[in-house]
């Protein structure tokens, strides 16, 4: 019994001297007031988040209706009654990869043509359907080219590959059909002109 007490005492002393487990630190810590703002908006109700106790079909219907409303698709539908989008089909490029890549465009509104890359894995010729990835880019004026792995020059290639930013090409290599569209207002092809140089 005496040995057990001594052992327990030594173990307690040893464990007490171990460093405490640190709480994981956030990936990025933003200064205030931005940090406070981001924390606040991330704690919102997330009204349309999926919950496993909810019927999937009911959730999907409700979330889809909210998405249509929030993205303005109802208003666009009203504004463009009778308009038929037109797609211009591009020629597939030779790229020595496991997928084909072609630059297309779609007229989304009268006079507005949005370019997009379509990446199709070679295995798509089989009868089995493949998953689709829609990957609009962020704040990169060459974003659709970056995501599709269609580099403008070697500097562009090195920059994108250095951060593994060719996500559309990566997905196509893994068997996804990929649509990488230009993002209006961000892509070089769809920037809003600033004739009076008010924005830089």
N, C-alpha and C. Protein backbone atom coordinates (compact mmCIF):
# COMPACT_ATOMS: atom_id res chain seq x y z
N UNK A 1 0.82 -1.19 0.00
CA UNK A 1 0.00 0.00 0.00
C UNK A 1 0.87 1.26 0.00
N UNK A 2 1.94 1.22 0.81
CA UNK A 2 2.86 2.35 0.90
C UNK A 2 3.50 2.64 -0.46
N UNK A 3 3.83 1.57 -1.21
CA UNK A 3 4.44 1.72 -2.53
C UNK A 3 3.48 2.41 -3.50
N UNK A 4 2.20 2.05 -3.41
CA UNK A 4 1.20 2.65 -4.30
C UNK A 4 1.05 4.15 -4.02
N UNK A 5 1.07 4.53 -2.76
CA UNK A 5 0.94 5.94 -2.39
C UNK A 5 2.14 6.73 -2.91
N UNK A 6 3.33 6.18 -2.74
CA UNK A 6 4.55 6.85 -3.22
C UNK A 6 4.48 6.99 -4.75
N UNK A 7 4.09 5.90 -5.43
CA UNK A 7 4.00 5.93 -6.90
C UNK A 7 2.97 6.96 -7.36
N UNK A 8 1.80 7.00 -6.70
CA UNK A 8 0.74 7.95 -7.06
C UNK A 8 1.22 9.39 -6.84
N UNK A 9 1.96 9.62 -5.74
CA UNK A 9 2.49 10.95 -5.45
C UNK A 9 3.50 11.38 -6.51
N UNK A 10 4.41 10.47 -6.87
CA UNK A 10 5.40 10.77 -7.91
C UNK A 10 4.72 11.05 -9.26
N UNK A 11 3.72 10.25 -9.60
CA UNK A 11 3.00 10.42 -10.85
C UNK A 11 2.30 11.78 -10.87
N UNK A 12 1.68 12.16 -9.76
CA UNK A 12 0.99 13.45 -9.67
C UNK A 12 1.99 14.60 -9.83
N UNK A 13 3.17 14.48 -9.21
CA UNK A 13 4.19 15.53 -9.34
C UNK A 13 4.69 15.62 -10.77
N UNK A 14 4.91 14.46 -11.40
CA UNK A 14 5.39 14.44 -12.77
C UNK A 14 4.37 15.07 -13.72
N UNK A 15 3.10 14.67 -13.57
CA UNK A 15 2.05 15.20 -14.45
C UNK A 15 1.86 16.69 -14.23
N UNK A 16 2.04 17.13 -12.98
CA UNK A 16 1.87 18.54 -12.68
C UNK A 16 2.94 19.38 -13.36
N UNK A 17 4.12 18.79 -13.59
CA UNK A 17 5.21 19.55 -14.20
C UNK A 17 5.14 19.56 -15.73
N UNK A 18 4.25 18.75 -16.32
CA UNK A 18 4.10 18.75 -17.78
C UNK A 18 3.45 20.05 -18.23
N UNK A 19 3.85 20.56 -19.40
CA UNK A 19 3.20 21.78 -19.88
C UNK A 19 1.73 21.50 -20.22
N UNK A 20 0.89 22.46 -19.94
CA UNK A 20 -0.54 22.31 -20.23
C UNK A 20 -0.76 22.27 -21.74
N UNK A 21 -1.78 21.53 -22.14
CA UNK A 21 -2.13 21.45 -23.56
C UNK A 21 -2.61 22.82 -24.01
N UNK A 22 -1.99 23.35 -25.06
CA UNK A 22 -2.38 24.67 -25.53
C UNK A 22 -3.68 24.61 -26.33
N UNK A 23 -4.47 25.66 -26.20
CA UNK A 23 -5.68 25.76 -27.01
C UNK A 23 -5.25 26.08 -28.43
N UNK A 24 -5.87 25.42 -29.43
CA UNK A 24 -5.47 25.72 -30.81
C UNK A 24 -5.66 27.20 -31.13
N UNK A 25 -4.69 27.75 -31.81
CA UNK A 25 -4.75 29.16 -32.18
C UNK A 25 -5.45 29.29 -33.53
N UNK A 26 -6.14 30.41 -33.75
CA UNK A 26 -6.80 30.59 -35.05
C UNK A 26 -5.76 30.66 -36.17
N UNK A 27 -6.17 30.22 -37.35
CA UNK A 27 -5.28 30.24 -38.52
C UNK A 27 -4.82 31.66 -38.81
N UNK A 28 -5.74 32.60 -38.74
CA UNK A 28 -5.43 34.01 -38.97
C UNK A 28 -6.09 34.80 -37.86
N UNK A 29 -5.35 35.73 -37.28
CA UNK A 29 -5.95 36.60 -36.26
C UNK A 29 -6.01 38.00 -36.85
N UNK A 30 -7.24 38.49 -37.01
CA UNK A 30 -7.43 39.80 -37.59
C UNK A 30 -7.46 40.85 -36.49
N UNK A 31 -6.91 42.04 -36.76
CA UNK A 31 -6.97 43.12 -35.77
C UNK A 31 -8.40 43.66 -35.67
N UNK A 32 -8.71 44.25 -34.52
CA UNK A 32 -10.02 44.88 -34.37
C UNK A 32 -10.03 46.21 -35.11
N UNK A 33 -11.14 46.64 -35.63
CA UNK A 33 -12.49 46.13 -35.46
C UNK A 33 -12.86 45.00 -36.45
N UNK A 34 -11.99 44.69 -37.41
CA UNK A 34 -12.30 43.65 -38.39
C UNK A 34 -12.48 42.30 -37.71
N UNK A 35 -11.61 41.96 -36.75
CA UNK A 35 -11.70 40.68 -36.06
C UNK A 35 -13.03 40.51 -35.35
N UNK A 36 -13.47 41.56 -34.66
CA UNK A 36 -14.76 41.51 -33.96
C UNK A 36 -15.90 41.33 -34.96
N UNK A 37 -15.83 42.07 -36.05
CA UNK A 37 -16.86 41.98 -37.09
C UNK A 37 -16.94 40.56 -37.65
N UNK A 38 -15.80 39.98 -38.02
CA UNK A 38 -15.79 38.63 -38.60
C UNK A 38 -16.29 37.59 -37.60
N UNK A 39 -15.91 37.73 -36.35
CA UNK A 39 -16.39 36.81 -35.32
C UNK A 39 -17.91 36.91 -35.19
N UNK A 40 -18.42 38.13 -35.21
CA UNK A 40 -19.86 38.34 -35.07
C UNK A 40 -20.63 37.72 -36.22
N UNK A 41 -20.20 37.96 -37.45
CA UNK A 41 -20.98 37.44 -38.58
C UNK A 41 -20.87 35.92 -38.70
N UNK A 42 -19.79 35.33 -38.19
CA UNK A 42 -19.67 33.88 -38.23
C UNK A 42 -20.55 33.20 -37.19
N UNK A 43 -21.03 33.96 -36.22
CA UNK A 43 -21.89 33.38 -35.18
C UNK A 43 -23.36 33.61 -35.49
N UNK A 44 -23.66 33.99 -36.71
CA UNK A 44 -25.06 34.22 -37.10
C UNK A 44 -25.87 32.94 -37.01
N UNK A 45 -27.17 33.06 -37.23
CA UNK A 45 -28.07 31.92 -37.09
C UNK A 45 -27.84 30.85 -38.14
N UNK A 46 -27.30 31.21 -39.27
CA UNK A 46 -27.12 30.27 -40.37
C UNK A 46 -28.43 29.52 -40.59
N UNK A 47 -29.44 30.30 -40.83
CA UNK A 47 -30.82 29.83 -40.95
C UNK A 47 -30.99 28.65 -41.92
N UNK A 48 -30.19 28.61 -42.96
CA UNK A 48 -30.37 27.57 -43.98
C UNK A 48 -29.31 26.47 -43.93
N UNK A 49 -28.57 26.39 -42.83
CA UNK A 49 -27.58 25.31 -42.69
C UNK A 49 -28.31 23.98 -42.58
N UNK A 50 -27.76 22.93 -43.20
CA UNK A 50 -28.41 21.62 -43.14
C UNK A 50 -28.24 21.01 -41.77
N UNK A 51 -29.29 20.38 -41.30
CA UNK A 51 -29.30 19.71 -40.01
C UNK A 51 -29.80 18.29 -40.25
N UNK A 52 -29.10 17.29 -39.76
CA UNK A 52 -29.46 15.90 -40.04
C UNK A 52 -30.82 15.51 -39.48
N UNK A 53 -31.36 16.28 -38.54
CA UNK A 53 -32.69 15.96 -38.02
C UNK A 53 -33.80 16.48 -38.93
N UNK A 54 -33.42 17.22 -39.98
CA UNK A 54 -34.37 17.78 -40.93
C UNK A 54 -34.49 16.86 -42.14
N UNK A 55 -35.69 16.82 -42.73
CA UNK A 55 -35.87 16.07 -43.97
C UNK A 55 -35.07 16.77 -45.08
N UNK A 56 -34.24 16.01 -45.79
CA UNK A 56 -33.36 16.60 -46.79
C UNK A 56 -34.15 17.34 -47.87
N UNK A 57 -35.21 16.73 -48.40
CA UNK A 57 -35.97 17.35 -49.49
C UNK A 57 -36.61 18.67 -49.07
N UNK A 58 -37.13 18.71 -47.83
CA UNK A 58 -37.71 19.96 -47.32
C UNK A 58 -36.63 21.02 -47.18
N UNK A 59 -35.48 20.63 -46.61
CA UNK A 59 -34.37 21.58 -46.44
C UNK A 59 -33.92 22.09 -47.80
N UNK A 60 -33.75 21.19 -48.77
CA UNK A 60 -33.27 21.58 -50.10
C UNK A 60 -34.22 22.58 -50.75
N UNK A 61 -35.51 22.32 -50.65
CA UNK A 61 -36.51 23.23 -51.25
C UNK A 61 -36.42 24.61 -50.60
N UNK A 62 -36.38 24.65 -49.28
CA UNK A 62 -36.31 25.92 -48.55
C UNK A 62 -35.00 26.67 -48.85
N UNK A 63 -33.88 25.94 -48.80
CA UNK A 63 -32.57 26.57 -49.05
C UNK A 63 -32.47 27.07 -50.49
N UNK A 64 -33.00 26.30 -51.43
CA UNK A 64 -32.95 26.70 -52.84
C UNK A 64 -33.76 27.98 -53.06
N UNK A 65 -34.94 28.05 -52.46
CA UNK A 65 -35.76 29.26 -52.59
C UNK A 65 -35.04 30.48 -52.02
N UNK A 66 -34.39 30.30 -50.87
CA UNK A 66 -33.65 31.41 -50.25
C UNK A 66 -32.47 31.82 -51.13
N UNK A 67 -31.76 30.84 -51.69
CA UNK A 67 -30.61 31.14 -52.55
C UNK A 67 -31.06 31.92 -53.79
N UNK A 68 -32.17 31.51 -54.39
CA UNK A 68 -32.70 32.20 -55.57
C UNK A 68 -33.04 33.65 -55.21
N UNK A 69 -33.64 33.84 -54.06
CA UNK A 69 -34.00 35.19 -53.62
C UNK A 69 -32.76 36.04 -53.33
N UNK A 70 -31.82 35.48 -52.57
CA UNK A 70 -30.63 36.23 -52.16
C UNK A 70 -29.71 36.59 -53.33
N UNK A 71 -29.64 35.74 -54.33
CA UNK A 71 -28.76 36.01 -55.48
C UNK A 71 -29.42 36.89 -56.53
N UNK A 72 -30.69 37.22 -56.33
CA UNK A 72 -31.37 38.10 -57.27
C UNK A 72 -31.88 37.41 -58.52
N UNK A 73 -31.91 36.08 -58.52
CA UNK A 73 -32.33 35.35 -59.72
C UNK A 73 -33.80 35.62 -60.08
N UNK A 74 -34.65 35.87 -59.07
CA UNK A 74 -36.06 36.18 -59.37
C UNK A 74 -36.15 37.50 -60.14
N UNK A 75 -35.38 38.49 -59.71
CA UNK A 75 -35.40 39.79 -60.39
C UNK A 75 -34.83 39.66 -61.80
N UNK A 76 -33.76 38.91 -61.94
CA UNK A 76 -33.16 38.70 -63.27
C UNK A 76 -34.18 38.02 -64.18
N UNK A 77 -34.89 37.04 -63.65
CA UNK A 77 -35.91 36.33 -64.44
C UNK A 77 -36.98 37.30 -64.94
N UNK A 78 -37.41 38.23 -64.08
CA UNK A 78 -38.40 39.23 -64.48
C UNK A 78 -37.84 40.16 -65.55
N UNK A 79 -36.60 40.61 -65.34
CA UNK A 79 -35.99 41.58 -66.26
C UNK A 79 -35.70 40.99 -67.64
N UNK A 80 -35.47 39.69 -67.70
CA UNK A 80 -35.02 39.08 -68.96
C UNK A 80 -36.06 38.14 -69.57
N UNK A 81 -37.33 38.43 -69.36
CA UNK A 81 -38.38 37.61 -69.95
C UNK A 81 -38.18 37.55 -71.46
N UNK A 82 -38.17 36.35 -72.01
CA UNK A 82 -38.02 36.17 -73.45
C UNK A 82 -36.58 36.09 -73.94
N UNK A 83 -35.62 36.46 -73.09
CA UNK A 83 -34.21 36.40 -73.51
C UNK A 83 -33.73 34.95 -73.52
N UNK A 84 -33.01 34.59 -74.56
CA UNK A 84 -32.45 33.24 -74.67
C UNK A 84 -30.92 33.34 -74.63
N UNK A 85 -30.28 32.81 -73.58
CA UNK A 85 -28.82 32.83 -73.52
C UNK A 85 -28.22 32.08 -74.72
N UNK A 86 -27.10 32.58 -75.20
CA UNK A 86 -26.42 31.94 -76.33
C UNK A 86 -25.02 31.51 -75.90
N UNK A 87 -24.67 30.28 -76.24
CA UNK A 87 -23.35 29.75 -75.91
C UNK A 87 -22.52 29.67 -77.17
N UNK A 88 -21.30 30.21 -77.11
CA UNK A 88 -20.33 30.05 -78.20
C UNK A 88 -19.37 28.95 -77.79
N UNK A 89 -19.28 27.92 -78.62
CA UNK A 89 -18.47 26.76 -78.28
C UNK A 89 -17.05 26.96 -78.78
N UNK A 90 -16.09 26.77 -77.88
CA UNK A 90 -14.68 26.92 -78.23
C UNK A 90 -14.08 25.60 -78.68
N UNK A 91 -12.91 25.70 -79.27
CA UNK A 91 -12.19 24.52 -79.73
C UNK A 91 -11.33 23.97 -78.59
N UNK A 92 -11.34 22.66 -78.43
CA UNK A 92 -10.53 22.03 -77.37
C UNK A 92 -9.05 22.23 -77.65
N UNK A 93 -8.30 22.58 -76.60
CA UNK A 93 -6.85 22.80 -76.72
C UNK A 93 -6.10 21.49 -76.50
N UNK A 94 -4.96 21.38 -77.12
CA UNK A 94 -4.03 20.28 -76.81
C UNK A 94 -3.27 20.70 -75.56
N UNK A 95 -3.28 19.86 -74.53
CA UNK A 95 -2.61 20.27 -73.29
C UNK A 95 -1.78 19.17 -72.64
N UNK A 96 -1.62 18.03 -73.30
CA UNK A 96 -0.82 16.92 -72.75
C UNK A 96 -1.22 16.57 -71.32
N UNK A 97 -2.51 16.56 -71.05
CA UNK A 97 -3.00 16.23 -69.72
C UNK A 97 -4.09 15.18 -69.86
N UNK A 98 -4.71 14.80 -68.76
CA UNK A 98 -5.73 13.75 -68.78
C UNK A 98 -7.14 14.30 -69.00
N UNK A 99 -7.23 15.54 -69.50
CA UNK A 99 -8.52 16.16 -69.77
C UNK A 99 -8.39 17.11 -70.96
N UNK A 100 -9.53 17.45 -71.56
CA UNK A 100 -9.51 18.48 -72.61
C UNK A 100 -9.97 19.79 -71.97
N UNK A 101 -9.51 20.89 -72.56
CA UNK A 101 -9.87 22.21 -72.04
C UNK A 101 -10.26 23.07 -73.24
N UNK A 102 -11.41 23.72 -73.15
CA UNK A 102 -11.86 24.61 -74.22
C UNK A 102 -12.43 25.87 -73.59
N UNK A 103 -12.19 27.00 -74.26
CA UNK A 103 -12.72 28.29 -73.80
C UNK A 103 -14.03 28.57 -74.53
N UNK A 104 -15.10 28.66 -73.77
CA UNK A 104 -16.43 28.94 -74.30
C UNK A 104 -16.84 30.34 -73.84
N UNK A 105 -18.02 30.79 -74.28
CA UNK A 105 -18.61 31.98 -73.68
C UNK A 105 -20.13 31.83 -73.73
N UNK A 106 -20.78 32.50 -72.81
CA UNK A 106 -22.24 32.48 -72.77
C UNK A 106 -22.73 33.92 -72.64
N UNK A 107 -23.72 34.27 -73.46
CA UNK A 107 -24.34 35.58 -73.36
C UNK A 107 -25.41 35.47 -72.27
N UNK A 108 -25.10 35.99 -71.10
CA UNK A 108 -25.98 35.84 -69.94
C UNK A 108 -27.10 36.88 -69.91
N UNK A 109 -26.84 38.03 -70.52
CA UNK A 109 -27.81 39.11 -70.67
C UNK A 109 -27.53 39.72 -72.03
N UNK A 110 -28.46 40.50 -72.57
CA UNK A 110 -28.17 41.11 -73.87
C UNK A 110 -26.85 41.89 -73.86
N UNK A 111 -25.92 41.47 -74.71
CA UNK A 111 -24.64 42.16 -74.85
C UNK A 111 -23.58 41.79 -73.82
N UNK A 112 -23.88 40.95 -72.86
CA UNK A 112 -22.90 40.56 -71.83
C UNK A 112 -22.48 39.12 -72.07
N UNK A 113 -21.21 38.95 -72.48
CA UNK A 113 -20.67 37.62 -72.76
C UNK A 113 -19.69 37.25 -71.64
N UNK A 114 -19.96 36.13 -71.01
CA UNK A 114 -19.11 35.65 -69.91
C UNK A 114 -18.30 34.46 -70.41
N UNK A 115 -16.97 34.61 -70.50
CA UNK A 115 -16.15 33.47 -70.92
C UNK A 115 -16.03 32.43 -69.80
N UNK A 116 -15.88 31.18 -70.19
CA UNK A 116 -15.65 30.12 -69.20
C UNK A 116 -14.90 28.98 -69.86
N UNK A 117 -14.10 28.32 -69.05
CA UNK A 117 -13.41 27.12 -69.51
C UNK A 117 -14.25 25.91 -69.15
N UNK A 118 -14.30 24.97 -70.08
CA UNK A 118 -14.91 23.67 -69.82
C UNK A 118 -13.80 22.65 -69.88
N UNK A 119 -13.58 21.96 -68.77
CA UNK A 119 -12.56 20.92 -68.67
C UNK A 119 -13.28 19.58 -68.57
N UNK A 120 -12.94 18.67 -69.47
CA UNK A 120 -13.62 17.37 -69.50
C UNK A 120 -12.58 16.26 -69.44
N UNK A 121 -12.64 15.42 -68.41
CA UNK A 121 -11.69 14.31 -68.30
C UNK A 121 -11.84 13.36 -69.49
N UNK A 122 -10.73 12.74 -69.88
CA UNK A 122 -10.78 11.79 -70.99
C UNK A 122 -11.76 10.66 -70.71
N UNK A 123 -11.92 10.29 -69.46
CA UNK A 123 -12.81 9.19 -69.10
C UNK A 123 -14.28 9.54 -69.29
N UNK A 124 -14.60 10.80 -69.64
CA UNK A 124 -15.99 11.21 -69.82
C UNK A 124 -16.61 10.55 -71.05
N UNK A 125 -15.81 9.97 -71.90
CA UNK A 125 -16.34 9.32 -73.09
C UNK A 125 -17.10 8.05 -72.74
N UNK A 126 -16.90 7.56 -71.54
CA UNK A 126 -17.64 6.38 -71.07
C UNK A 126 -19.09 6.80 -70.77
N UNK A 127 -19.95 5.82 -70.67
CA UNK A 127 -21.38 6.10 -70.47
C UNK A 127 -21.72 6.58 -69.06
N UNK A 128 -20.83 6.38 -68.11
CA UNK A 128 -21.12 6.73 -66.72
C UNK A 128 -21.03 8.24 -66.49
N UNK A 129 -22.01 8.83 -65.79
CA UNK A 129 -21.95 10.27 -65.52
C UNK A 129 -20.79 10.61 -64.57
N UNK A 130 -20.28 11.81 -64.72
CA UNK A 130 -19.19 12.29 -63.86
C UNK A 130 -19.68 13.46 -63.01
N UNK A 131 -19.04 13.69 -61.87
CA UNK A 131 -19.43 14.85 -61.05
C UNK A 131 -19.01 16.15 -61.73
N UNK A 132 -19.72 17.22 -61.41
CA UNK A 132 -19.45 18.54 -61.98
C UNK A 132 -18.96 19.47 -60.88
N UNK A 133 -17.92 20.24 -61.18
CA UNK A 133 -17.43 21.27 -60.27
C UNK A 133 -17.56 22.62 -60.97
N UNK A 134 -18.30 23.51 -60.37
CA UNK A 134 -18.41 24.89 -60.85
C UNK A 134 -17.47 25.70 -59.98
N UNK A 135 -16.42 26.29 -60.58
CA UNK A 135 -15.45 27.00 -59.73
C UNK A 135 -15.20 28.42 -60.21
N UNK A 136 -16.07 29.36 -59.78
CA UNK A 136 -15.81 30.77 -60.06
C UNK A 136 -14.63 31.26 -59.22
N UNK A 137 -13.85 32.14 -59.79
CA UNK A 137 -12.63 32.60 -59.10
C UNK A 137 -12.89 33.82 -58.23
N UNK A 138 -11.89 34.15 -57.45
CA UNK A 138 -11.95 35.32 -56.58
C UNK A 138 -11.24 36.51 -57.20
N UNK A 139 -10.53 37.27 -56.38
CA UNK A 139 -9.93 38.54 -56.77
C UNK A 139 -8.63 38.36 -57.55
N UNK A 140 -8.72 37.75 -58.68
CA UNK A 140 -7.56 37.53 -59.56
C UNK A 140 -8.05 37.85 -60.96
N UNK A 141 -7.51 38.89 -61.57
CA UNK A 141 -8.01 39.28 -62.89
C UNK A 141 -7.80 38.19 -63.95
N UNK A 142 -6.88 37.27 -63.70
CA UNK A 142 -6.67 36.14 -64.60
C UNK A 142 -7.26 34.85 -64.01
N UNK A 143 -8.20 35.00 -63.08
CA UNK A 143 -8.71 33.89 -62.30
C UNK A 143 -9.24 32.70 -63.07
N UNK A 144 -10.04 32.93 -64.13
CA UNK A 144 -10.57 31.77 -64.85
C UNK A 144 -9.45 31.01 -65.52
N UNK A 145 -8.43 31.70 -66.00
CA UNK A 145 -7.27 31.04 -66.63
C UNK A 145 -6.45 30.30 -65.56
N UNK A 146 -6.30 30.94 -64.39
CA UNK A 146 -5.56 30.32 -63.29
C UNK A 146 -6.21 29.02 -62.86
N UNK A 147 -7.51 29.06 -62.59
CA UNK A 147 -8.22 27.88 -62.12
C UNK A 147 -8.21 26.76 -63.15
N UNK A 148 -8.29 27.13 -64.43
CA UNK A 148 -8.34 26.12 -65.49
C UNK A 148 -6.96 25.60 -65.88
N UNK A 149 -5.90 26.21 -65.34
CA UNK A 149 -4.55 25.79 -65.70
C UNK A 149 -4.16 26.24 -67.10
N UNK A 150 -4.81 27.30 -67.60
CA UNK A 150 -4.53 27.85 -68.93
C UNK A 150 -3.69 29.11 -68.74
N UNK A 151 -2.41 28.92 -68.55
CA UNK A 151 -1.54 30.02 -68.13
C UNK A 151 -1.20 30.95 -69.29
N UNK A 152 -1.15 32.24 -68.98
CA UNK A 152 -0.85 33.26 -70.00
C UNK A 152 0.63 33.30 -70.34
N UNK A 153 1.48 33.02 -69.37
CA UNK A 153 2.93 32.99 -69.59
C UNK A 153 3.58 32.22 -68.44
N UNK A 154 4.90 32.11 -68.47
CA UNK A 154 5.59 31.32 -67.46
C UNK A 154 5.49 31.95 -66.06
N UNK A 155 5.50 33.27 -65.99
CA UNK A 155 5.36 33.96 -64.70
C UNK A 155 4.00 33.62 -64.07
N UNK A 156 2.96 33.66 -64.89
CA UNK A 156 1.61 33.32 -64.42
C UNK A 156 1.57 31.86 -63.96
N UNK A 157 2.18 30.97 -64.73
CA UNK A 157 2.23 29.54 -64.37
C UNK A 157 2.90 29.35 -63.01
N UNK A 158 4.07 29.97 -62.82
CA UNK A 158 4.82 29.80 -61.57
C UNK A 158 4.03 30.33 -60.37
N UNK A 159 3.40 31.48 -60.56
CA UNK A 159 2.62 32.09 -59.47
C UNK A 159 1.46 31.18 -59.06
N UNK A 160 0.72 30.68 -60.04
CA UNK A 160 -0.46 29.85 -59.75
C UNK A 160 -0.05 28.50 -59.18
N UNK A 161 0.91 27.85 -59.81
CA UNK A 161 1.32 26.53 -59.34
C UNK A 161 2.02 26.61 -57.98
N UNK A 162 2.66 27.75 -57.68
CA UNK A 162 3.31 27.94 -56.39
C UNK A 162 2.33 27.89 -55.23
N UNK A 163 1.09 28.24 -55.49
CA UNK A 163 0.08 28.18 -54.42
C UNK A 163 -1.00 27.14 -54.74
N UNK A 164 -0.69 26.24 -55.65
CA UNK A 164 -1.61 25.17 -56.07
C UNK A 164 -2.97 25.75 -56.43
N UNK A 165 -2.95 26.85 -57.20
CA UNK A 165 -4.17 27.58 -57.54
C UNK A 165 -4.90 27.11 -58.78
N UNK A 166 -4.42 26.06 -59.42
CA UNK A 166 -5.09 25.54 -60.62
C UNK A 166 -6.15 24.51 -60.23
N UNK A 167 -7.06 24.91 -59.36
CA UNK A 167 -7.98 23.96 -58.74
C UNK A 167 -8.91 23.28 -59.73
N UNK A 168 -9.28 23.96 -60.80
CA UNK A 168 -10.13 23.34 -61.82
C UNK A 168 -9.39 22.22 -62.53
N UNK A 169 -8.15 22.48 -62.90
CA UNK A 169 -7.33 21.45 -63.57
C UNK A 169 -7.09 20.27 -62.63
N UNK A 170 -6.85 20.55 -61.36
CA UNK A 170 -6.65 19.46 -60.39
C UNK A 170 -7.90 18.59 -60.30
N UNK A 171 -9.07 19.24 -60.27
CA UNK A 171 -10.33 18.48 -60.18
C UNK A 171 -10.57 17.66 -61.44
N UNK A 172 -10.24 18.22 -62.60
CA UNK A 172 -10.42 17.47 -63.86
C UNK A 172 -9.53 16.24 -63.88
N UNK A 173 -8.32 16.36 -63.33
CA UNK A 173 -7.43 15.19 -63.26
C UNK A 173 -7.99 14.11 -62.33
N UNK A 174 -8.86 14.52 -61.43
CA UNK A 174 -9.46 13.57 -60.48
C UNK A 174 -10.84 13.08 -60.95
N UNK A 175 -11.20 13.42 -62.19
CA UNK A 175 -12.44 12.88 -62.76
C UNK A 175 -13.65 13.78 -62.74
N UNK A 176 -13.48 15.06 -62.42
CA UNK A 176 -14.60 15.99 -62.43
C UNK A 176 -14.69 16.69 -63.79
N UNK A 177 -15.90 16.94 -64.25
CA UNK A 177 -16.10 17.90 -65.33
C UNK A 177 -16.08 19.25 -64.64
N UNK A 178 -15.39 20.22 -65.21
CA UNK A 178 -15.20 21.51 -64.54
C UNK A 178 -15.65 22.65 -65.43
N UNK A 179 -16.40 23.57 -64.84
CA UNK A 179 -16.72 24.84 -65.49
C UNK A 179 -16.05 25.92 -64.65
N UNK A 180 -15.13 26.65 -65.27
CA UNK A 180 -14.41 27.74 -64.59
C UNK A 180 -14.77 29.05 -65.29
N UNK A 181 -15.80 29.75 -64.78
CA UNK A 181 -16.24 30.98 -65.44
C UNK A 181 -15.47 32.21 -64.98
N UNK A 182 -15.49 33.23 -65.83
CA UNK A 182 -14.98 34.54 -65.42
C UNK A 182 -15.97 35.13 -64.43
N UNK A 183 -15.47 35.81 -63.42
CA UNK A 183 -16.33 36.45 -62.43
C UNK A 183 -16.51 37.91 -62.82
N UNK A 184 -17.76 38.30 -63.01
CA UNK A 184 -18.04 39.68 -63.44
C UNK A 184 -17.52 40.67 -62.41
N UNK A 185 -16.85 41.70 -62.91
CA UNK A 185 -16.30 42.72 -62.04
C UNK A 185 -14.92 42.41 -61.50
N UNK A 186 -14.46 41.15 -61.66
CA UNK A 186 -13.14 40.76 -61.18
C UNK A 186 -12.23 40.27 -62.30
N UNK A 187 -12.76 39.50 -63.23
CA UNK A 187 -11.95 38.97 -64.33
C UNK A 187 -11.60 40.09 -65.30
N UNK A 188 -10.40 40.02 -65.85
CA UNK A 188 -9.93 41.02 -66.81
C UNK A 188 -10.94 41.20 -67.95
N UNK A 189 -11.54 40.10 -68.39
CA UNK A 189 -12.47 40.14 -69.51
C UNK A 189 -13.79 40.82 -69.16
N UNK A 190 -14.09 40.96 -67.87
CA UNK A 190 -15.39 41.51 -67.45
C UNK A 190 -15.28 42.65 -66.46
N UNK A 191 -14.14 43.34 -66.46
CA UNK A 191 -14.00 44.49 -65.56
C UNK A 191 -14.91 45.62 -66.02
N UNK A 192 -15.47 46.34 -65.07
CA UNK A 192 -16.29 47.50 -65.40
C UNK A 192 -15.33 48.65 -65.68
N UNK A 193 -15.45 49.31 -66.84
CA UNK A 193 -14.53 50.42 -67.16
C UNK A 193 -14.62 51.54 -66.12
N UNK A 194 -13.50 52.21 -65.92
CA UNK A 194 -13.42 53.33 -64.98
C UNK A 194 -12.84 54.52 -65.74
N UNK A 195 -13.62 55.11 -66.68
CA UNK A 195 -13.07 56.16 -67.56
C UNK A 195 -12.58 57.40 -66.82
N UNK A 196 -13.09 57.69 -65.65
CA UNK A 196 -12.64 58.88 -64.91
C UNK A 196 -11.61 58.54 -63.85
N UNK A 197 -11.11 57.29 -63.85
CA UNK A 197 -10.07 56.83 -62.94
C UNK A 197 -10.41 57.11 -61.48
N UNK A 198 -11.65 56.81 -61.10
CA UNK A 198 -12.09 57.03 -59.73
C UNK A 198 -11.70 55.90 -58.79
N UNK A 199 -11.31 54.74 -59.33
CA UNK A 199 -11.02 53.58 -58.49
C UNK A 199 -9.57 53.14 -58.60
N UNK A 200 -8.67 54.06 -58.69
CA UNK A 200 -7.28 53.66 -58.67
C UNK A 200 -6.53 54.19 -59.81
